[in-house]
Amino acid sequence: MSERKAFLLRIDPKVLDAVQRWADDDLRSLNAQIEFLLRRALRDAGRLKEGTDGPGSRTQRAGR
């Protein structure tokens, strides 16, 4: 598994609550949901190469 880096994220409480509800609906942790959304945005913007979703990514498995 690749190395993970921790960092502080300042986020609007309403946005955090919405992402937490979405994570709960998708049976993901908040951290996994944020990473999922970032990876999807990067892929859609052409800034993440195909096949670099990394281990544990549910991008393909979730059918999204």
Protein backbone atom coordinates (compact mmCIF):
# COMPACT_ATOMS: atom_id res chain seq x y z
CA MET A 1 0.00 0.00 0.00
CA SER A 2 1.28 3.47 -0.82
CA GLU A 3 2.28 5.91 1.86
CA ARG A 4 -0.45 8.20 3.16
CA LYS A 5 0.12 11.77 4.27
CA ALA A 6 -1.94 13.53 6.90
CA PHE A 7 -2.87 17.20 6.62
CA LEU A 8 -5.20 19.68 8.23
CA LEU A 9 -8.29 20.58 6.24
CA ARG A 10 -10.32 23.67 7.04
CA ILE A 11 -13.82 23.24 5.67
CA ASP A 12 -17.19 24.89 6.04
CA PRO A 13 -19.27 22.93 8.58
CA LYS A 14 -22.24 22.70 6.18
CA VAL A 15 -20.02 21.19 3.49
CA LEU A 16 -18.51 18.76 5.98
CA ASP A 17 -21.96 17.68 7.18
CA ALA A 18 -23.12 17.12 3.60
CA VAL A 19 -20.03 15.06 2.74
CA GLN A 20 -20.45 13.05 5.96
CA ARG A 21 -24.07 12.22 5.06
CA TRP A 22 -22.95 11.22 1.55
CA ALA A 23 -20.20 9.03 3.03
CA ASP A 24 -22.74 7.39 5.33
CA ASP A 25 -25.04 6.69 2.36
CA ASP A 26 -22.14 5.13 0.42
CA LEU A 27 -20.90 3.15 3.46
CA ARG A 28 -17.55 4.96 3.42
CA SER A 29 -15.60 6.78 6.10
CA LEU A 30 -15.48 10.55 5.80
CA ASN A 31 -11.81 10.35 4.86
CA ALA A 32 -12.47 7.74 2.15
CA GLN A 33 -15.34 9.83 0.76
CA ILE A 34 -13.19 12.96 0.52
CA GLU A 35 -10.44 10.99 -1.22
CA PHE A 36 -13.00 9.40 -3.56
CA LEU A 37 -14.37 12.81 -4.52
CA LEU A 38 -10.91 14.29 -5.04
CA ARG A 39 -9.81 11.35 -7.20
CA ARG A 40 -12.98 11.57 -9.30
CA ALA A 41 -12.55 15.34 -9.79
CA LEU A 42 -8.89 14.87 -10.73
CA ARG A 43 -9.71 12.08 -13.18
CA ASP A 44 -12.55 14.06 -14.76
CA ALA A 45 -10.26 17.08 -15.16
CA GLY A 46 -7.59 14.94 -16.83
CA ARG A 47 -5.13 15.44 -13.99
CA LEU A 48 -4.97 11.84 -12.80
CA LYS A 49 -3.79 9.08 -15.11
CA GLU A 50 -6.07 6.08 -15.64
CA GLY A 51 -5.24 3.17 -13.38
CA THR A 52 -3.81 5.38 -10.63
CA ASP A 53 -6.87 5.28 -8.41
CA GLY A 54 -4.74 3.30 -5.99
CA PRO A 55 -5.47 0.44 -3.68
CA GLY A 56 -8.71 0.61 -1.81
CA SER A 57 -10.31 2.95 -4.31
CA ARG A 58 -13.96 2.22 -4.87
CA THR A 59 -14.23 4.30 -8.04
CA GLN A 60 -14.70 1.29 -10.30
CA ARG A 61 -16.40 -0.98 -7.78
CA ALA A 62 -19.04 1.61 -6.92
CA GLY A 63 -19.92 1.93 -10.60
CA ARG A 64 -19.30 5.66 -10.63
